[in-house]
Protein backbone atom coordinates (compact mmCIF):
# COMPACT_ATOMS: atom_id res chain seq x y z
CA MET A 1 123.14 29.53 241.61
CA TRP A 2 123.94 32.15 239.08
CA CYS A 3 125.60 31.74 235.60
CA PHE A 4 126.90 33.61 232.91
CA VAL A 5 127.28 32.18 229.65
CA SER A 6 128.97 34.43 227.00
CA GLN A 7 128.56 33.72 223.65
CA PRO A 8 131.52 33.54 220.84
CA ASN A 9 130.23 37.63 219.60
CA ALA A 10 130.77 38.45 223.58
CA VAL A 11 126.97 38.73 224.05
CA VAL A 12 126.15 37.25 227.77
CA ILE A 13 123.46 34.92 228.65
CA GLU A 14 122.19 34.80 232.39
CA VAL A 15 121.28 31.06 233.54
CA ARG A 16 119.75 30.91 237.06
CA LEU A 17 120.08 27.35 238.43
CA ASP A 18 119.00 24.90 241.41
CA HIS A 19 122.66 24.87 243.72
CA LYS A 20 122.81 21.04 242.97
CA ALA A 21 122.39 21.46 239.09
CA LYS A 22 124.60 19.22 236.34
CA GLY A 23 126.46 21.00 233.52
CA LEU A 24 123.66 19.58 230.88
CA GLU A 25 120.80 21.76 232.66
CA CYS A 26 122.29 24.87 232.10
CA LEU A 27 123.38 24.28 228.70
CA GLU A 28 120.41 23.01 227.86
CA LYS A 29 118.42 26.48 229.15
CA VAL A 30 121.52 28.36 227.14
CA CYS A 31 120.48 26.30 223.62
CA GLU A 32 116.99 26.99 224.43
CA CYS A 33 117.66 30.56 224.89
CA LEU A 34 119.15 30.65 221.51
CA GLY A 35 116.94 28.09 220.00
CA ILE A 36 119.61 25.43 218.91
CA ASN A 37 117.70 23.00 221.46
CA LYS A 38 117.38 20.43 218.73
CA GLU A 39 121.32 20.14 218.24
CA CYS A 40 122.92 21.13 221.49
CA ASP A 41 125.04 17.81 221.23
CA TYR A 42 127.47 19.94 219.31
CA PHE A 43 128.05 22.62 221.72
CA GLY A 44 129.73 22.60 225.53
CA LEU A 45 130.69 24.82 227.84
CA GLN A 46 134.43 26.32 228.80
CA TYR A 47 135.89 27.50 231.68
CA LYS A 48 139.44 28.59 232.92
CA THR A 49 141.55 27.25 235.41
CA VAL A 50 143.01 29.66 237.93
CA LYS A 51 146.15 28.94 235.54
CA GLY A 52 144.09 30.13 232.79
CA GLN A 53 143.41 26.50 230.78
CA ASP A 54 140.51 26.34 228.75
CA VAL A 55 138.36 23.26 230.15
CA TRP A 56 135.38 21.60 228.53
CA LEU A 57 132.90 21.27 231.95
CA ASN A 58 131.80 17.71 232.62
CA LEU A 59 128.01 18.39 231.57
CA ARG A 60 127.29 15.01 233.80
CA ASN A 61 128.42 16.36 237.00
CA PRO A 62 127.59 18.79 239.42
CA ILE A 63 128.46 22.31 238.55
CA GLU A 64 129.89 23.60 241.97
CA ASN A 65 132.08 19.90 242.05
CA GLN A 66 134.01 21.55 239.13
CA ILE A 67 134.39 25.02 239.66
CA ASN A 68 136.15 26.25 242.13
CA GLY A 69 135.56 30.25 243.16
CA VAL A 70 132.73 32.12 244.15
CA GLN A 71 129.27 32.72 242.09
CA PRO A 72 128.17 33.56 239.36
CA TYR A 73 130.13 31.11 237.35
CA ARG A 74 131.67 32.48 234.01
CA PHE A 75 131.39 30.15 231.14
CA ALA A 76 131.65 30.51 226.92
CA LEU A 77 129.54 28.59 224.80
CA ARG A 78 131.75 26.78 222.40
CA VAL A 79 131.27 24.44 219.50
CA LYS A 80 132.82 21.02 220.70
CA PHE A 81 132.52 19.14 217.64
CA TRP A 82 132.62 20.52 214.62
CA VAL A 83 130.83 19.21 211.55
CA PRO A 84 130.71 21.04 208.03
CA PRO A 85 127.29 22.72 207.54
CA HIS A 86 125.51 20.64 205.24
CA LEU A 87 125.08 18.57 208.65
CA LEU A 88 123.27 21.28 210.34
CA LEU A 89 119.04 21.57 210.20
CA GLN A 90 118.82 24.55 212.19
CA ASP A 91 119.77 28.06 210.92
CA SER A 92 120.16 29.52 214.65
CA THR A 93 122.92 26.57 214.79
CA ARG A 94 124.60 27.62 212.05
CA HIS A 95 124.94 30.95 212.92
CA GLN A 96 126.50 29.59 216.22
CA PHE A 97 128.73 27.93 214.28
CA TYR A 98 129.48 31.01 212.54
CA LEU A 99 130.22 33.24 215.29
CA HIS A 100 132.76 30.59 216.55
CA ALA A 101 134.10 30.26 213.67
CA LYS A 102 135.38 34.05 212.75
CA LEU A 103 136.36 34.02 216.53
CA GLU A 104 138.90 31.11 215.80
CA LEU A 105 140.03 33.15 212.65
CA CYS A 106 140.23 36.16 214.41
CA GLU A 107 142.35 34.80 217.17
CA GLY A 108 144.70 32.87 214.90
CA ARG A 109 143.59 29.16 215.70
CA LEU A 110 142.08 28.64 211.87
CA LYS A 111 144.67 29.72 209.97
CA PRO A 112 144.34 29.47 206.19
CA THR A 113 147.20 29.48 204.52
CA ASP A 114 146.27 29.74 200.62
CA SER A 115 146.15 33.03 199.27
CA ARG A 116 142.48 32.55 197.36
CA VAL A 117 141.64 30.75 200.47
CA ILE A 118 142.43 33.69 202.80
CA SER A 119 140.43 36.42 199.88
CA LYS A 120 137.76 34.02 199.51
CA THR A 121 137.29 33.71 203.51
CA ILE A 122 137.53 37.76 203.53
CA VAL A 123 135.10 38.42 201.36
CA LEU A 124 132.57 35.90 202.73
CA LEU A 125 133.12 37.54 206.38
CA ALA A 126 132.45 41.09 205.07
CA GLN A 127 129.82 39.86 203.12
CA ALA A 128 128.05 38.02 206.39
CA GLU A 129 128.88 41.16 208.82
CA ILE A 130 127.84 44.32 206.52
CA GLY A 131 126.05 43.06 203.55
CA ASP A 132 126.04 45.23 200.39
CA CYS A 133 127.05 48.34 201.51
CA ASP A 134 129.31 51.58 200.27
CA ASP A 135 133.07 51.23 199.38
CA LEU A 136 134.46 52.87 202.09
CA VAL A 137 132.36 50.79 204.87
CA GLN A 138 133.95 47.65 202.77
CA SER A 139 137.77 48.73 202.28
CA GLN A 140 137.66 49.37 205.96
CA PHE A 141 136.09 45.93 206.88
CA TYR A 142 138.87 44.58 204.41
CA GLY A 143 141.82 46.20 205.71
CA GLN A 144 141.19 44.85 209.21
CA TRP A 145 140.49 41.15 208.29
CA CYS A 146 143.84 41.34 205.91
CA GLU A 147 145.79 42.37 209.22
CA TYR A 148 144.21 39.50 210.63
CA LEU A 149 145.05 37.05 207.85
CA GLY A 150 148.37 37.88 206.96
CA VAL A 151 147.47 40.27 203.84
CA SER A 152 149.10 42.94 203.18
CA MET A 153 147.32 46.19 201.81
CA ASP A 154 149.82 46.54 199.05
CA ASP A 155 149.48 43.01 197.65
CA GLU A 156 147.93 44.21 194.46
CA GLU A 157 147.14 40.92 193.04
CA SER A 158 145.24 39.82 196.28
CA ILE A 159 143.38 43.18 196.65
CA SER A 160 142.28 42.71 193.16
CA ARG A 161 141.03 38.96 193.92
CA ILE A 162 139.20 40.12 196.64
CA GLN A 163 137.40 42.87 194.63
CA LYS A 164 136.58 40.45 191.95
CA LEU A 165 135.10 38.25 194.56
CA GLN A 166 133.01 40.96 196.05
CA SER A 167 131.18 41.61 192.90
CA ASP A 168 130.48 37.62 192.37
CA ILE A 169 128.39 37.47 195.60
CA LYS A 170 127.08 40.88 195.68
CA GLY A 171 123.36 40.60 196.67
CA MET A 172 124.03 37.19 198.61
CA LYS A 173 122.24 36.96 202.04
CA GLN A 174 123.85 37.14 204.85
CA SER A 175 122.95 34.09 206.23
CA THR A 176 123.99 32.51 203.14
CA ALA A 177 127.71 33.67 203.36
CA GLU A 178 127.70 32.44 207.00
CA TYR A 179 127.09 28.82 205.04
CA TRP A 180 130.01 29.46 203.31
CA LEU A 181 132.17 30.60 205.48
CA ILE A 182 131.96 27.61 207.64
CA LYS A 183 131.85 25.34 204.13
CA GLU A 184 135.38 27.10 203.25
CA VAL A 185 136.97 26.92 206.74
CA SER A 186 135.79 23.28 207.01
CA SER A 187 138.06 22.18 204.47
CA LEU A 188 141.36 23.90 206.52
CA GLU A 189 143.81 21.40 207.82
CA ASN A 190 143.35 22.44 211.57
CA PHE A 191 139.62 22.61 211.28
CA GLY A 192 137.76 21.09 214.56
CA GLU A 193 140.97 20.47 216.15
CA GLU A 194 141.45 21.02 219.90
CA LEU A 195 145.20 21.94 220.69
CA PHE A 196 147.57 20.83 223.22
CA GLU A 197 151.40 21.38 224.17
CA GLY A 198 153.29 18.47 225.39
CA ARG A 199 156.76 17.24 225.53
CA THR A 200 158.41 13.76 224.84
CA ALA A 201 160.45 12.03 226.80
CA THR A 202 163.84 13.70 225.27
CA GLY A 203 162.18 16.72 226.07
CA SER A 204 161.66 18.14 222.24
CA PRO A 205 157.88 20.06 222.78
CA VAL A 206 155.15 18.94 220.56
CA MET A 207 151.91 19.97 219.49
CA VAL A 208 149.27 17.81 219.55
CA GLY A 209 145.85 18.47 218.12
CA VAL A 210 143.07 16.24 218.22
CA GLY A 211 140.64 16.23 215.51
CA PRO A 212 137.47 14.69 213.73
CA HIS A 213 139.61 12.03 211.85
CA GLY A 214 142.58 11.31 214.27
CA ILE A 215 145.38 12.97 216.21
CA SER A 216 148.45 15.27 214.28
CA LEU A 217 151.56 15.89 216.03
CA GLU A 218 153.93 18.76 215.17
CA GLN A 219 157.48 19.09 216.29
CA PRO A 220 160.05 21.29 215.39
CA GLU A 221 161.82 20.70 212.27
CA GLN A 222 160.10 17.73 211.49
CA GLU A 223 157.18 16.87 208.92
CA LYS A 224 153.56 16.60 210.54
CA GLN A 225 152.53 13.47 211.19
CA VAL A 226 148.64 12.58 211.23
CA ILE A 227 147.79 9.38 213.41
CA PRO A 228 144.24 8.29 212.01
CA TYR A 229 141.33 7.06 214.44
CA THR A 230 141.79 3.44 213.15
CA ALA A 231 145.58 3.26 214.00
CA ILE A 232 145.15 4.25 217.58
CA ARG A 233 144.89 0.57 219.80
CA SER A 234 144.40 2.27 223.09
CA ALA A 235 145.37 5.82 225.56
CA ALA A 236 145.56 6.34 229.07
CA SER A 237 146.84 9.16 231.25
CA HIS A 238 148.72 9.27 234.63
CA ARG A 239 149.13 12.21 236.38
CA ARG A 240 151.03 14.59 233.94
CA VAL A 241 151.29 12.12 231.73
CA PHE A 242 149.53 10.81 228.29
CA GLU A 243 150.39 7.45 226.92
CA MET A 244 148.92 6.10 223.50
CA TRP A 245 149.47 3.02 221.73
CA TYR A 246 148.80 2.83 217.84
CA LEU A 247 150.08 1.32 214.74
CA ALA A 248 152.85 2.80 212.59
CA GLY A 249 154.53 2.10 209.46
CA VAL A 250 153.71 -0.29 206.37
CA GLU A 251 154.65 -3.49 208.64
CA HIS A 252 151.62 -1.93 211.33
CA SER A 253 153.85 -2.15 213.91
CA GLU A 254 152.41 -1.07 217.67
CA THR A 255 154.22 2.16 218.41
CA LEU A 256 153.78 4.29 221.65
CA LEU A 257 153.44 7.80 222.01
CA ALA A 258 154.18 9.30 225.51
CA LEU A 259 154.01 12.84 226.15
CA LYS A 260 154.54 14.86 229.29
CA LEU A 261 152.29 18.02 229.91
CA GLU A 262 151.89 20.90 231.95
CA SER A 263 149.59 19.58 234.87
CA SER A 264 147.56 15.95 235.43
CA LEU A 265 144.76 18.08 234.09
CA GLY A 266 146.22 19.04 230.96
CA ALA A 267 147.16 15.30 230.76
CA ASN A 268 143.01 14.42 231.35
CA THR A 269 142.16 17.05 229.36
CA LEU A 270 143.60 15.50 226.18
CA TYR A 271 142.89 11.61 227.09
CA ARG A 272 139.13 12.98 227.43
CA ALA A 273 139.27 15.18 223.92
CA LEU A 274 140.84 11.74 222.37
CA THR A 275 138.27 9.46 223.65
CA GLU A 276 135.13 11.49 223.13
CA LYS A 277 136.26 12.70 219.33
CA HIS A 278 136.82 9.30 218.61
CA ALA A 279 133.64 8.23 219.74
CA PHE A 280 131.73 10.96 218.33
CA TYR A 281 133.13 10.97 214.66
CA SER A 282 134.38 7.06 213.96
CA CYS A 283 131.66 4.95 215.87
CA GLU A 284 128.13 4.24 215.04
CA THR A 285 127.02 4.35 219.15
CA VAL A 286 128.67 5.64 222.06
CA ARG A 287 129.60 2.43 224.55
CA GLY A 288 128.72 1.52 227.74
CA ALA A 289 132.60 1.24 228.42
CA VAL A 290 132.93 5.18 227.80
CA THR A 291 129.51 6.35 229.41
CA SER A 292 129.99 4.27 232.73
CA GLN A 293 133.97 5.10 233.24
CA TYR A 294 134.10 7.30 236.40
CA ILE A 295 136.12 7.98 239.22
CA ARG A 296 135.85 8.66 243.07
CA ASP A 297 137.07 11.59 245.36
CA LEU A 298 138.67 10.62 248.52
CA LYS A 299 135.45 10.48 250.85
CA GLY A 300 133.29 8.57 248.07
CA THR A 301 136.47 6.38 247.92
CA ILE A 302 135.94 5.45 251.73
CA ILE A 303 132.05 5.15 251.53
CA SER A 304 132.62 2.60 248.20
CA ILE A 305 134.55 0.14 250.53
CA PHE A 306 131.39 -0.03 252.96
CA ASN A 307 128.64 0.33 250.02
CA GLU A 308 130.05 0.05 246.33
CA ASP A 309 126.92 1.31 244.87
CA SER A 310 126.56 4.86 246.52
CA PRO A 311 126.97 7.54 243.89
CA LEU A 312 128.69 9.87 246.63
CA GLY A 313 131.92 11.06 245.16
CA LYS A 314 131.49 9.58 241.76
CA LYS A 315 132.68 11.91 239.04
CA TYR A 316 132.32 10.98 235.64
CA VAL A 317 135.11 10.80 233.26
CA PHE A 318 133.29 11.67 229.83
CA ASP A 319 130.10 13.40 229.31
CA ILE A 320 129.34 12.32 225.61
CA GLN A 321 125.71 11.01 225.18
CA ARG A 322 125.70 10.67 221.19
CA THR A 323 127.41 10.28 218.33
CA CYS A 324 127.66 12.43 214.98
CA ARG A 325 125.20 10.49 212.98
CA GLU A 326 123.15 10.11 216.19
CA VAL A 327 123.12 13.58 216.89
CA HIS A 328 121.99 14.25 213.47
CA ASP A 329 119.27 12.34 213.26
CA ASN A 330 117.72 12.86 216.67
CA ALA A 331 117.81 16.36 215.33
CA ARG A 332 116.02 15.77 212.08
CA ARG A 333 113.35 13.43 213.47
CA ALA A 334 112.86 16.32 216.51
CA LEU A 335 112.50 18.60 214.26
CA TYR A 336 109.93 17.03 211.66
CA ASP A 337 107.94 16.15 214.38
CA GLN A 338 107.85 19.90 215.64
CA GLN A 339 106.85 20.63 211.74
CA ASN A 340 104.05 17.80 212.33
CA LYS A 341 102.91 19.64 215.45
CA ALA A 342 102.41 22.87 213.93
CA THR A 343 100.93 21.21 210.53
CA PRO A 344 96.75 22.28 210.73
CA THR A 345 94.99 18.79 210.89
CA SER A 346 92.38 18.04 207.68
CA SER A 347 89.52 18.60 209.34
CA THR A 348 90.53 22.11 209.75
CA VAL A 349 91.75 22.89 206.11
CA ALA A 350 89.45 23.83 203.58
CA LEU A 351 88.82 21.03 200.63
CA SER A 352 89.25 23.21 198.03
CA ALA A 353 92.33 25.09 199.30
CA PRO A 354 95.51 25.02 197.18
CA GLU A 355 98.78 22.76 198.56
CA PRO A 356 101.59 25.15 200.01
CA GLU A 357 104.93 25.98 198.75
CA PRO A 358 107.40 24.18 200.32
CA SER A 359 108.48 26.03 203.01
CA LYS A 360 112.49 27.18 203.17
CA SER A 361 112.70 24.99 206.37
CA GLN A 362 111.61 22.01 204.16
CA ASP A 363 113.69 22.78 201.28
CA SER A 364 116.59 22.60 203.59
CA TYR A 365 115.98 19.48 205.43
CA ARG A 366 115.57 18.06 202.02
CA LEU A 367 118.78 18.96 200.75
CA ALA A 368 120.65 17.85 204.45
CA LYS A 369 118.78 14.79 203.95
CA LEU A 370 120.13 14.39 200.19
CA ILE A 371 123.90 15.06 201.32
CA ASP A 372 123.86 13.23 204.25
CA ALA A 373 122.91 9.83 201.99
CA LEU A 374 125.63 10.96 199.71
CA THR A 375 128.72 11.22 202.87
CA CYS A 376 130.89 8.76 204.03
CA ARG A 377 129.81 7.24 207.39
CA ILE A 378 133.33 7.02 208.70
CA CYS A 379 134.70 10.78 208.25
CA MET A 380 131.02 12.35 207.48
CA ASP A 381 132.90 14.84 205.15
CA ALA A 382 133.76 13.77 201.82
CA THR A 383 131.33 12.19 199.36
CA ILE A 384 130.86 8.23 199.29
CA ASP A 385 132.91 6.66 195.90
CA HIS A 386 133.74 3.28 197.12
CA VAL A 387 132.05 -0.16 197.73
CA PHE A 388 133.25 -3.15 199.96
CA PHE A 389 133.54 -6.83 198.68
CA PRO A 390 132.27 -9.51 199.09
CA CYS A 391 129.44 -7.43 201.54
CA GLY A 392 128.79 -5.08 198.99
CA HIS A 393 128.20 -1.95 201.44
CA VAL A 394 128.67 1.10 200.01
CA ILE A 395 129.42 3.65 202.91
CA ALA A 396 132.90 5.05 202.80
CA CYS A 397 135.02 7.64 200.89
CA GLY A 398 138.34 6.52 199.16
CA THR A 399 140.52 7.70 202.25
CA CYS A 400 138.55 5.75 204.65
CA ALA A 401 138.40 2.41 202.36
CA LYS A 402 141.95 2.33 202.62
CA ARG A 403 141.75 2.40 206.32
CA CYS A 404 139.33 -0.27 206.90
CA ASP A 405 140.55 -3.74 207.44
CA ALA A 406 136.76 -4.84 208.39
CA CYS A 407 133.37 -3.14 207.02
CA PRO A 408 132.07 -1.00 210.02
CA LEU A 409 128.55 -1.70 209.30
CA CYS A 410 128.49 -5.58 209.32
CA ARG A 411 131.92 -6.08 210.83
CA GLY A 412 132.80 -8.12 207.85
CA THR A 413 136.22 -9.22 206.30
CA ILE A 414 137.13 -6.65 203.39
CA GLU A 415 138.34 -8.52 200.48
CA GLU A 416 138.63 -5.84 198.03
CA SER A 417 137.57 -2.12 197.77
CA ARG A 418 136.50 -0.48 194.28
CA HIS A 419 136.09 2.73 193.21
CA VAL A 420 131.81 3.80 192.60
CA PHE A 421 130.94 6.40 190.13
CA ILE A 422 128.20 8.27 192.22
CA PRO A 423 126.26 11.35 190.45
CA THR A 424 127.08 14.27 192.32
CA LEU A 425 124.21 16.87 193.86
CA ALA A 426 124.95 19.08 190.52
CA ASP A 427 124.00 15.48 188.72
CA LEU A 428 120.68 15.26 190.11
CA PRO A 429 117.32 16.28 188.22
CA GLY A 430 115.79 19.49 189.88
CA PHE A 431 118.69 20.27 192.06
CA HIS A 432 120.07 23.95 192.08
CA HIS A 433 123.05 24.96 193.36
């Protein structure tokens, strides 16, 4: 079985698999080819349905059971779970995040609105793509991205700001510019959101965004509503209808959100996105209730009447295996083990040989470990700055602390939370930005 997998920069990778292969085998081969196999959990494979809808391939199910049509099957390698760049340990992984972020900006799915953010984004894109070059090439590049991001070339203030920023970052490495571009777009409101179109019971259109922190709802002429994962109680999909119960208002009354989507596949996809993103970003580990959930086709249902344990026709609903923290920890251990295996043993090193200076990869690893230690364990984005009482755990930022009734670490009741002042990275001795 042949599969063609395209990267965000349109480069296609050919993968040959057994005809009974599952989606995970295809993803692992692609990630190994690109050198991102230690952090492949952040990525997924998308394919287009007959109606043109983008759907994530379920990595736990056989490929041929999910795709209609003839070979070669065509997929797109995309970031499924977006995280800030300091959590990424491999430069190759960071590069794939950059390529996808650039595509999202180009196609308008990531939309910076602040003029300063737009200017900085354009300059970082130019530095990442073409580096230091002559003014003519830069002006052509700026003109192209100003058009994409809605900046007029006649806007003297924006153009002068872009030129000032360009002079400030002159000499910056292209890989460093990629890092800061991801960092810049990670602060955008719609960063990491998967979008769905639905309608309420009254027929009003709703744009639903499922992101790292919860669900956002946008309706015409109404203020955008954000529902955090801590407020969601349950969700389900039935045919074309997606239903979700959540706590709303000061009194935390349980409210039902019912949306009708274009198809049953759309409702199932929204339900899957909500469940998987909630597990990835908000949970310590993926629960068995998620990993074991499956459905059967007609043939499998008939067989299960006589043999309930039969795998025939079984299709897993979710393919998430690890949470954000677990992916980061596993990648860190794998890279550490790989580094130790590559280091010569003491018997092969001369006694008089000086100690080697820390490599760039070692410095990146230590920096990532330090930043991770100061990052909120709930949103995995903001800096830890609150302590829970009486348990005393310091694991959350101020925004997440307000949403917690019980400590996420020990499950103890929170009677009070207080602000604590932890040194920032810039305050730490020996750290240079």
